[in-house]
Amino acid sequence: ESQSLTSADTVLGTAWQVTVNVTKSGGVPLESAVPSEGATG
C-alpha cells in the first residue's frame, strides 16, 4: 500500500499508522485522520 501511495497509483484510502509513517519517511506528502464517523481499529 505504501508503494502504491508513493507512486500515486492511489491517493487516498484506509491505512494503518505504520503505512503513513513508512510512506512519509520516504518524502511522500501524506496525512491521516480519524474521520467524523469514527473508525474501526
PDB file of all heavy atoms in Angstrom:
ATOM      1  N   GLU A   1       0.839  -1.196   0.000  1.00  0.00           N
ATOM      2  CA  GLU A   1       0.000   0.000   0.000  1.00  0.00           C
ATOM      3  C   GLU A   1       0.875   1.247   0.000  1.00  0.00           C
ATOM      4  O   GLU A   1       0.591   2.228  -0.695  1.00  0.00           O
ATOM      5  CB  GLU A   1      -0.936   0.026   1.209  1.00  0.00           C
ATOM      6  CG  GLU A   1      -1.878   1.232   1.154  1.00  0.00           C
ATOM      7  CD  GLU A   1      -2.650   1.474   2.434  1.00  0.00           C
ATOM      8  OE1 GLU A   1      -2.189   1.050   3.505  1.00  0.00           O
ATOM      9  OE2 GLU A   1      -3.707   2.127   2.364  1.00  0.00           O
ATOM     10  N   SER A   2       1.946   1.216   0.772  1.00  0.00           N
ATOM     11  CA  SER A   2       2.859   2.355   0.817  1.00  0.00           C
ATOM     12  C   SER A   2       3.445   2.635  -0.565  1.00  0.00           C
ATOM     13  O   SER A   2       3.555   3.792  -0.987  1.00  0.00           O
ATOM     14  CB  SER A   2       3.982   2.086   1.826  1.00  0.00           C
ATOM     15  OG  SER A   2       4.939   3.120   1.820  1.00  0.00           O
ATOM     16  N   GLN A   3       3.808   1.563  -1.259  1.00  0.00           N
ATOM     17  CA  GLN A   3       4.348   1.722  -2.611  1.00  0.00           C
ATOM     18  C   GLN A   3       3.328   2.354  -3.547  1.00  0.00           C
ATOM     19  O   GLN A   3       3.663   3.207  -4.378  1.00  0.00           O
ATOM     20  CB  GLN A   3       4.792   0.363  -3.151  1.00  0.00           C
ATOM     21  CG  GLN A   3       5.992  -0.237  -2.429  1.00  0.00           C
ATOM     22  CD  GLN A   3       6.235  -1.692  -2.801  1.00  0.00           C
ATOM     23  OE1 GLN A   3       5.535  -2.268  -3.629  1.00  0.00           O
ATOM     24  NE2 GLN A   3       7.247  -2.297  -2.184  1.00  0.00           N
ATOM     25  N   SER A   4       2.078   1.939  -3.409  1.00  0.00           N
ATOM     26  CA  SER A   4       1.017   2.476  -4.254  1.00  0.00           C
ATOM     27  C   SER A   4       0.781   3.953  -3.987  1.00  0.00           C
ATOM     28  O   SER A   4       0.581   4.753  -4.911  1.00  0.00           O
ATOM     29  CB  SER A   4      -0.276   1.691  -4.024  1.00  0.00           C
ATOM     30  OG  SER A   4      -1.322   2.184  -4.825  1.00  0.00           O
ATOM     31  N   LEU A   5       0.824   4.332  -2.720  1.00  0.00           N
ATOM     32  CA  LEU A   5       0.667   5.740  -2.364  1.00  0.00           C
ATOM     33  C   LEU A   5       1.882   6.555  -2.819  1.00  0.00           C
ATOM     34  O   LEU A   5       1.747   7.702  -3.249  1.00  0.00           O
ATOM     35  CB  LEU A   5       0.472   5.885  -0.857  1.00  0.00           C
ATOM     36  CG  LEU A   5      -0.871   5.398  -0.307  1.00  0.00           C
ATOM     37  CD1 LEU A   5      -0.805   5.252   1.214  1.00  0.00           C
ATOM     38  CD2 LEU A   5      -1.996   6.357  -0.690  1.00  0.00           C
ATOM     39  N   THR A   6       3.048   5.954  -2.742  1.00  0.00           N
ATOM     40  CA  THR A   6       4.268   6.641  -3.155  1.00  0.00           C
ATOM     41  C   THR A   6       4.253   6.925  -4.659  1.00  0.00           C
ATOM     42  O   THR A   6       4.629   8.020  -5.105  1.00  0.00           O
ATOM     43  CB  THR A   6       5.508   5.798  -2.800  1.00  0.00           C
ATOM     44  OG1 THR A   6       5.561   5.621  -1.381  1.00  0.00           O
ATOM     45  CG2 THR A   6       6.783   6.473  -3.270  1.00  0.00           C
ATOM     46  N   SER A   7       3.805   5.960  -5.433  1.00  0.00           N
ATOM     47  CA  SER A   7       3.754   6.124  -6.889  1.00  0.00           C
ATOM     48  C   SER A   7       2.542   6.921  -7.345  1.00  0.00           C
ATOM     49  O   SER A   7       2.431   7.266  -8.521  1.00  0.00           O
ATOM     50  CB  SER A   7       3.745   4.753  -7.565  1.00  0.00           C
ATOM     51  OG  SER A   7       2.545   4.051  -7.246  1.00  0.00           O
ATOM     52  N   ALA A   8       1.621   7.195  -6.401  1.00  0.00           N
ATOM     53  CA  ALA A   8       0.365   7.902  -6.687  1.00  0.00           C
ATOM     54  C   ALA A   8      -0.581   7.070  -7.553  1.00  0.00           C
ATOM     55  O   ALA A   8      -1.510   7.610  -8.157  1.00  0.00           O
ATOM     56  CB  ALA A   8       0.609   9.264  -7.323  1.00  0.00           C
ATOM     57  N   ASP A   9      -0.366   5.747  -7.596  1.00  0.00           N
ATOM     58  CA  ASP A   9      -1.365   4.885  -8.216  1.00  0.00           C
ATOM     59  C   ASP A   9      -2.662   4.974  -7.427  1.00  0.00           C
ATOM     60  O   ASP A   9      -3.757   4.854  -7.986  1.00  0.00           O
ATOM     61  CB  ASP A   9      -0.870   3.437  -8.249  1.00  0.00           C
ATOM     62  CG  ASP A   9       0.243   3.232  -9.264  1.00  0.00           C
ATOM     63  OD1 ASP A   9       0.346   4.046 -10.207  1.00  0.00           O
ATOM     64  OD2 ASP A   9       1.017   2.267  -9.118  1.00  0.00           O
ATOM     65  N   THR A  10      -2.517   5.164  -6.114  1.00  0.00           N
ATOM     66  CA  THR A  10      -3.653   5.502  -5.265  1.00  0.00           C
ATOM     67  C   THR A  10      -3.293   6.771  -4.495  1.00  0.00           C
ATOM     68  O   THR A  10      -2.112   7.031  -4.223  1.00  0.00           O
ATOM     69  CB  THR A  10      -3.996   4.376  -4.275  1.00  0.00           C
ATOM     70  OG1 THR A  10      -2.839   4.053  -3.494  1.00  0.00           O
ATOM     71  CG2 THR A  10      -4.455   3.132  -5.022  1.00  0.00           C
ATOM     72  N   VAL A  11      -4.315   7.543  -4.134  1.00  0.00           N
ATOM     73  CA  VAL A  11      -4.043   8.815  -3.453  1.00  0.00           C
ATOM     74  C   VAL A  11      -4.770   8.937  -2.121  1.00  0.00           C
ATOM     75  O   VAL A  11      -4.486   9.848  -1.352  1.00  0.00           O
ATOM     76  CB  VAL A  11      -4.407  10.016  -4.353  1.00  0.00           C
ATOM     77  CG1 VAL A  11      -3.564  10.010  -5.620  1.00  0.00           C
ATOM     78  CG2 VAL A  11      -5.900  10.044  -4.692  1.00  0.00           C
ATOM     79  N   LEU A  12      -5.687   8.008  -1.837  1.00  0.00           N
ATOM     80  CA  LEU A  12      -6.332   8.022  -0.521  1.00  0.00           C
ATOM     81  C   LEU A  12      -6.908   6.646  -0.231  1.00  0.00           C
ATOM     82  O   LEU A  12      -7.130   5.835  -1.135  1.00  0.00           O
ATOM     83  CB  LEU A  12      -7.416   9.098  -0.435  1.00  0.00           C
ATOM     84  CG  LEU A  12      -8.687   8.973  -1.278  1.00  0.00           C
ATOM     85  CD1 LEU A  12      -9.751   8.140  -0.576  1.00  0.00           C
ATOM     86  CD2 LEU A  12      -9.262  10.350  -1.560  1.00  0.00           C
ATOM     87  N   GLY A  13      -7.130   6.388   1.047  1.00  0.00           N
ATOM     88  CA  GLY A  13      -7.709   5.113   1.430  1.00  0.00           C
ATOM     89  C   GLY A  13      -7.589   4.832   2.909  1.00  0.00           C
ATOM     90  O   GLY A  13      -7.168   5.687   3.691  1.00  0.00           O
ATOM     91  N   THR A  14      -7.965   3.618   3.293  1.00  0.00           N
ATOM     92  CA  THR A  14      -7.801   3.181   4.670  1.00  0.00           C
ATOM     93  C   THR A  14      -6.353   2.753   4.879  1.00  0.00           C
ATOM     94  O   THR A  14      -5.739   2.179   3.976  1.00  0.00           O
ATOM     95  CB  THR A  14      -8.718   1.991   4.989  1.00  0.00           C
ATOM     96  OG1 THR A  14      -8.476   0.947   4.043  1.00  0.00           O
ATOM     97  CG2 THR A  14     -10.170   2.406   4.919  1.00  0.00           C
ATOM     98  N   ALA A  15      -5.831   3.009   6.064  1.00  0.00           N
ATOM     99  CA  ALA A  15      -4.425   2.681   6.310  1.00  0.00           C
ATOM    100  C   ALA A  15      -4.165   2.517   7.799  1.00  0.00           C
ATOM    101  O   ALA A  15      -4.876   3.072   8.638  1.00  0.00           O
ATOM    102  CB  ALA A  15      -3.508   3.764   5.745  1.00  0.00           C
ATOM    103  N   TRP A  16      -3.122   1.753   8.094  1.00  0.00           N
ATOM    104  CA  TRP A  16      -2.599   1.714   9.450  1.00  0.00           C
ATOM    105  C   TRP A  16      -1.604   2.859   9.599  1.00  0.00           C
ATOM    106  O   TRP A  16      -1.052   3.361   8.622  1.00  0.00           O
ATOM    107  CB  TRP A  16      -1.890   0.387   9.700  1.00  0.00           C
ATOM    108  CG  TRP A  16      -2.787  -0.799   9.600  1.00  0.00           C
ATOM    109  CD1 TRP A  16      -4.129  -0.849   9.829  1.00  0.00           C
ATOM    110  CD2 TRP A  16      -2.397  -2.127   9.232  1.00  0.00           C
ATOM    111  NE1 TRP A  16      -4.602  -2.114   9.635  1.00  0.00           N
ATOM    112  CE2 TRP A  16      -3.564  -2.924   9.262  1.00  0.00           C
ATOM    113  CE3 TRP A  16      -1.181  -2.715   8.885  1.00  0.00           C
ATOM    114  CZ2 TRP A  16      -3.550  -4.291   8.964  1.00  0.00           C
ATOM    115  CZ3 TRP A  16      -1.156  -4.072   8.587  1.00  0.00           C
ATOM    116  CH2 TRP A  16      -2.331  -4.849   8.630  1.00  0.00           C
ATOM    117  N   GLN A  17      -1.358   3.245  10.826  1.00  0.00           N
ATOM    118  CA  GLN A  17      -0.417   4.331  11.065  1.00  0.00           C
ATOM    119  C   GLN A  17       0.983   3.986  10.576  1.00  0.00           C
ATOM    120  O   GLN A  17       1.723   4.844  10.108  1.00  0.00           O
ATOM    121  CB  GLN A  17      -0.367   4.685  12.551  1.00  0.00           C
ATOM    122  CG  GLN A  17       0.444   5.926  12.870  1.00  0.00           C
ATOM    123  CD  GLN A  17      -0.174   7.190  12.294  1.00  0.00           C
ATOM    124  OE1 GLN A  17      -1.358   7.447  12.485  1.00  0.00           O
ATOM    125  NE2 GLN A  17       0.618   7.988  11.585  1.00  0.00           N
ATOM    126  N   VAL A  18       1.341   2.699  10.635  1.00  0.00           N
ATOM    127  CA  VAL A  18       2.661   2.305  10.161  1.00  0.00           C
ATOM    128  C   VAL A  18       2.820   2.604   8.676  1.00  0.00           C
ATOM    129  O   VAL A  18       3.893   2.990   8.213  1.00  0.00           O
ATOM    130  CB  VAL A  18       2.946   0.809  10.457  1.00  0.00           C
ATOM    131  CG1 VAL A  18       2.000  -0.096   9.683  1.00  0.00           C
ATOM    132  CG2 VAL A  18       4.399   0.460  10.165  1.00  0.00           C
ATOM    133  N   THR A  19       1.736   2.443   7.907  1.00  0.00           N
ATOM    134  CA  THR A  19       1.779   2.770   6.477  1.00  0.00           C
ATOM    135  C   THR A  19       2.076   4.245   6.287  1.00  0.00           C
ATOM    136  O   THR A  19       2.897   4.640   5.448  1.00  0.00           O
ATOM    137  CB  THR A  19       0.438   2.434   5.808  1.00  0.00           C
ATOM    138  OG1 THR A  19       0.022   1.125   6.190  1.00  0.00           O
ATOM    139  CG2 THR A  19       0.547   2.530   4.293  1.00  0.00           C
ATOM    140  N   VAL A  20       1.398   5.063   7.072  1.00  0.00           N
ATOM    141  CA  VAL A  20       1.594   6.512   6.999  1.00  0.00           C
ATOM    142  C   VAL A  20       3.034   6.864   7.360  1.00  0.00           C
ATOM    143  O   VAL A  20       3.695   7.644   6.672  1.00  0.00           O
ATOM    144  CB  VAL A  20       0.599   7.241   7.930  1.00  0.00           C
ATOM    145  CG1 VAL A  20       0.826   8.749   7.886  1.00  0.00           C
ATOM    146  CG2 VAL A  20      -0.840   6.905   7.540  1.00  0.00           C
ATOM    147  N   ASN A  21       3.528   6.270   8.447  1.00  0.00           N
ATOM    148  CA  ASN A  21       4.887   6.572   8.900  1.00  0.00           C
ATOM    149  C   ASN A  21       5.937   6.189   7.860  1.00  0.00           C
ATOM    150  O   ASN A  21       6.847   6.966   7.548  1.00  0.00           O
ATOM    151  CB  ASN A  21       5.175   5.820  10.207  1.00  0.00           C
ATOM    152  CG  ASN A  21       4.340   6.310  11.368  1.00  0.00           C
ATOM    153  OD1 ASN A  21       3.675   7.337  11.269  1.00  0.00           O
ATOM    154  ND2 ASN A  21       4.350   5.576  12.463  1.00  0.00           N
ATOM    155  N   VAL A  22       5.811   4.968   7.330  1.00  0.00           N
ATOM    156  CA  VAL A  22       6.785   4.488   6.344  1.00  0.00           C
ATOM    157  C   VAL A  22       6.744   5.346   5.086  1.00  0.00           C
ATOM    158  O   VAL A  22       7.786   5.725   4.529  1.00  0.00           O
ATOM    159  CB  VAL A  22       6.509   3.011   6.001  1.00  0.00           C
ATOM    160  CG1 VAL A  22       7.306   2.582   4.778  1.00  0.00           C
ATOM    161  CG2 VAL A  22       6.839   2.115   7.184  1.00  0.00           C
ATOM    162  N   THR A  23       5.547   5.678   4.629  1.00  0.00           N
ATOM    163  CA  THR A  23       5.402   6.445   3.391  1.00  0.00           C
ATOM    164  C   THR A  23       5.920   7.873   3.559  1.00  0.00           C
ATOM    165  O   THR A  23       6.642   8.386   2.697  1.00  0.00           O
ATOM    166  CB  THR A  23       3.929   6.471   2.951  1.00  0.00           C
ATOM    167  OG1 THR A  23       3.411   5.134   2.936  1.00  0.00           O
ATOM    168  CG2 THR A  23       3.787   7.067   1.558  1.00  0.00           C
ATOM    169  N   LYS A  24       5.597   8.496   4.676  1.00  0.00           N
ATOM    170  CA  LYS A  24       6.072   9.860   4.924  1.00  0.00           C
ATOM    171  C   LYS A  24       7.590   9.900   5.089  1.00  0.00           C
ATOM    172  O   LYS A  24       8.230  10.885   4.697  1.00  0.00           O
ATOM    173  CB  LYS A  24       5.383  10.440   6.161  1.00  0.00           C
ATOM    174  CG  LYS A  24       3.912  10.752   5.970  1.00  0.00           C
ATOM    175  CD  LYS A  24       3.275  11.343   7.217  1.00  0.00           C
ATOM    176  CE  LYS A  24       3.768  12.747   7.490  1.00  0.00           C
ATOM    177  NZ  LYS A  24       3.039  13.385   8.618  1.00  0.00           N
ATOM    178  N   SER A  25       8.154   8.835   5.643  1.00  0.00           N
ATOM    179  CA  SER A  25       9.608   8.809   5.830  1.00  0.00           C
ATOM    180  C   SER A  25      10.340   8.812   4.494  1.00  0.00           C
ATOM    181  O   SER A  25      11.510   9.172   4.428  1.00  0.00           O
ATOM    182  CB  SER A  25      10.021   7.583   6.646  1.00  0.00           C
ATOM    183  OG  SER A  25       9.838   6.390   5.902  1.00  0.00           O
ATOM    184  N   GLY A  26       9.628   8.414   3.431  1.00  0.00           N
ATOM    185  CA  GLY A  26      10.215   8.438   2.102  1.00  0.00           C
ATOM    186  C   GLY A  26       9.997   9.747   1.371  1.00  0.00           C
ATOM    187  O   GLY A  26      10.299   9.857   0.178  1.00  0.00           O
ATOM    188  N   GLY A  27       9.462  10.732   2.084  1.00  0.00           N
ATOM    189  CA  GLY A  27       9.275  12.051   1.497  1.00  0.00           C
ATOM    190  C   GLY A  27       7.939  12.275   0.812  1.00  0.00           C
ATOM    191  O   GLY A  27       7.720  13.325   0.193  1.00  0.00           O
ATOM    192  N   VAL A  28       7.031  11.330   0.924  1.00  0.00           N
ATOM    193  CA  VAL A  28       5.717  11.471   0.290  1.00  0.00           C
ATOM    194  C   VAL A  28       4.829  12.363   1.160  1.00  0.00           C
ATOM    195  O   VAL A  28       4.736  12.150   2.371  1.00  0.00           O
ATOM    196  CB  VAL A  28       5.053  10.091   0.097  1.00  0.00           C
ATOM    197  CG1 VAL A  28       3.674  10.247  -0.539  1.00  0.00           C
ATOM    198  CG2 VAL A  28       5.934   9.196  -0.759  1.00  0.00           C
ATOM    199  N   PRO A  29       4.183  13.375   0.588  1.00  0.00           N
ATOM    200  CA  PRO A  29       3.298  14.250   1.366  1.00  0.00           C
ATOM    201  C   PRO A  29       2.002  13.526   1.706  1.00  0.00           C
ATOM    202  O   PRO A  29       1.088  13.424   0.890  1.00  0.00           O
ATOM    203  CB  PRO A  29       3.054  15.435   0.424  1.00  0.00           C
ATOM    204  CG  PRO A  29       3.219  14.863  -0.947  1.00  0.00           C
ATOM    205  CD  PRO A  29       4.270  13.802  -0.834  1.00  0.00           C
ATOM    206  N   LEU A  30       1.924  12.998   2.913  1.00  0.00           N
ATOM    207  CA  LEU A  30       0.798  12.162   3.330  1.00  0.00           C
ATOM    208  C   LEU A  30       0.317  12.587   4.704  1.00  0.00           C
ATOM    209  O   LEU A  30       1.123  12.932   5.570  1.00  0.00           O
ATOM    210  CB  LEU A  30       1.246  10.691   3.370  1.00  0.00           C
ATOM    211  CG  LEU A  30       0.175   9.610   3.300  1.00  0.00           C
ATOM    212  CD1 LEU A  30      -0.440   9.563   1.903  1.00  0.00           C
ATOM    213  CD2 LEU A  30       0.781   8.253   3.645  1.00  0.00           C
ATOM    214  N   GLU A  31      -0.989  12.598   4.885  1.00  0.00           N
ATOM    215  CA  GLU A  31      -1.571  12.870   6.199  1.00  0.00           C
ATOM    216  C   GLU A  31      -2.643  11.833   6.477  1.00  0.00           C
ATOM    217  O   GLU A  31      -3.070  11.090   5.581  1.00  0.00           O
ATOM    218  CB  GLU A  31      -2.158  14.289   6.263  1.00  0.00           C
ATOM    219  CG  GLU A  31      -1.108  15.385   6.289  1.00  0.00           C
ATOM    220  CD  GLU A  31      -0.185  15.310   7.495  1.00  0.00           C
ATOM    221  OE1 GLU A  31      -0.611  14.746   8.526  1.00  0.00           O
ATOM    222  OE2 GLU A  31       0.955  15.786   7.401  1.00  0.00           O
ATOM    223  N   SER A  32      -3.103  11.795   7.724  1.00  0.00           N
ATOM    224  CA  SER A  32      -4.128  10.829   8.103  1.00  0.00           C
ATOM    225  C   SER A  32      -4.963  11.388   9.236  1.00  0.00           C
ATOM    226  O   SER A  32      -4.547  12.332   9.928  1.00  0.00           O
ATOM    227  CB  SER A  32      -3.478   9.515   8.533  1.00  0.00           C
ATOM    228  OG  SER A  32      -2.659   9.718   9.673  1.00  0.00           O
ATOM    229  N   ALA A  33      -6.132  10.801   9.437  1.00  0.00           N
ATOM    230  CA  ALA A  33      -7.025  11.263  10.495  1.00  0.00           C
ATOM    231  C   ALA A  33      -8.093  10.215  10.767  1.00  0.00           C
ATOM    232  O   ALA A  33      -8.343   9.319   9.949  1.00  0.00           O
ATOM    233  CB  ALA A  33      -7.681  12.583  10.096  1.00  0.00           C
ATOM    234  N   VAL A  34      -8.721  10.331  11.939  1.00  0.00           N
ATOM    235  CA  VAL A  34      -9.946   9.591  12.235  1.00  0.00           C
ATOM    236  C   VAL A  34     -11.105  10.489  11.811  1.00  0.00           C
ATOM    237  O   VAL A  34     -11.292  11.559  12.386  1.00  0.00           O
ATOM    238  CB  VAL A  34     -10.063   9.247  13.729  1.00  0.00           C
ATOM    239  CG1 VAL A  34     -11.425   8.633  14.033  1.00  0.00           C
ATOM    240  CG2 VAL A  34      -8.946   8.299  14.158  1.00  0.00           C
ATOM    241  N   PRO A  35     -11.862  10.111  10.790  1.00  0.00           N
ATOM    242  CA  PRO A  35     -12.945  10.970  10.283  1.00  0.00           C
ATOM    243  C   PRO A  35     -14.086  11.159  11.280  1.00  0.00           C
ATOM    244  O   PRO A  35     -14.118  10.531  12.352  1.00  0.00           O
ATOM    245  CB  PRO A  35     -13.419  10.221   9.032  1.00  0.00           C
ATOM    246  CG  PRO A  35     -12.260   9.370   8.638  1.00  0.00           C
ATOM    247  CD  PRO A  35     -11.644   8.946   9.943  1.00  0.00           C
ATOM    248  N   SER A  36     -15.016  11.981  10.895  1.00  0.00           N
ATOM    249  CA  SER A  36     -16.117  12.359  11.792  1.00  0.00           C
ATOM    250  C   SER A  36     -16.977  11.175  12.216  1.00  0.00           C
ATOM    251  O   SER A  36     -17.567  11.193  13.304  1.00  0.00           O
ATOM    252  CB  SER A  36     -17.000  13.410  11.106  1.00  0.00           C
ATOM    253  OG  SER A  36     -17.520  12.909   9.888  1.00  0.00           O
ATOM    254  N   GLU A  37     -17.055  10.149  11.378  1.00  0.00           N
ATOM    255  CA  GLU A  37     -17.896   8.992  11.709  1.00  0.00           C
ATOM    256  C   GLU A  37     -17.227   8.038  12.688  1.00  0.00           C
ATOM    257  O   GLU A  37     -17.846   7.088  13.167  1.00  0.00           O
ATOM    258  CB  GLU A  37     -18.239   8.205  10.440  1.00  0.00           C
ATOM    259  CG  GLU A  37     -19.010   8.993   9.392  1.00  0.00           C
ATOM    260  CD  GLU A  37     -18.092   9.703   8.409  1.00  0.00           C
ATOM    261  OE1 GLU A  37     -16.848   9.673   8.621  1.00  0.00           O
ATOM    262  OE2 GLU A  37     -18.604  10.281   7.442  1.00  0.00           O
ATOM    263  N   GLY A  38     -15.940   8.297  12.997  1.00  0.00           N
ATOM    264  CA  GLY A  38     -15.190   7.372  13.828  1.00  0.00           C
ATOM    265  C   GLY A  38     -14.409   6.402  12.971  1.00  0.00           C
ATOM    266  O   GLY A  38     -14.266   6.594  11.764  1.00  0.00           O
ATOM    267  N   ALA A  39     -13.915   5.337  13.575  1.00  0.00           N
ATOM    268  CA  ALA A  39     -13.092   4.383  12.833  1.00  0.00           C
ATOM    269  C   ALA A  39     -13.151   3.018  13.496  1.00  0.00           C
ATOM    270  O   ALA A  39     -13.397   2.892  14.700  1.00  0.00           O
ATOM    271  CB  ALA A  39     -11.641   4.862  12.780  1.00  0.00           C
ATOM    272  N   THR A  40     -12.925   2.005  12.674  1.00  0.00           N
ATOM    273  CA  THR A  40     -12.671   0.688  13.235  1.00  0.00           C
ATOM    274  C   THR A  40     -11.215   0.667  13.701  1.00  0.00           C
ATOM    275  O   THR A  40     -10.467   1.615  13.479  1.00  0.00           O
ATOM    276  CB  THR A  40     -12.910  -0.416  12.194  1.00  0.00           C
ATOM    277  OG1 THR A  40     -12.039  -0.212  11.074  1.00  0.00           O
ATOM    278  CG2 THR A  40     -14.363  -0.414  11.711  1.00  0.00           C
ATOM    279  N   GLY A  41     -10.824  -0.398  14.333  1.00  0.00           N
ATOM    280  CA  GLY A  41      -9.461  -0.456  14.828  1.00  0.00           C
ATOM    281  C   GLY A  41      -9.132  -1.829  15.361  1.00  0.00           C
ATOM    282  O   GLY A  41      -9.916  -2.774  15.218  1.00  0.00           O
TER     283      GLY A  41
END
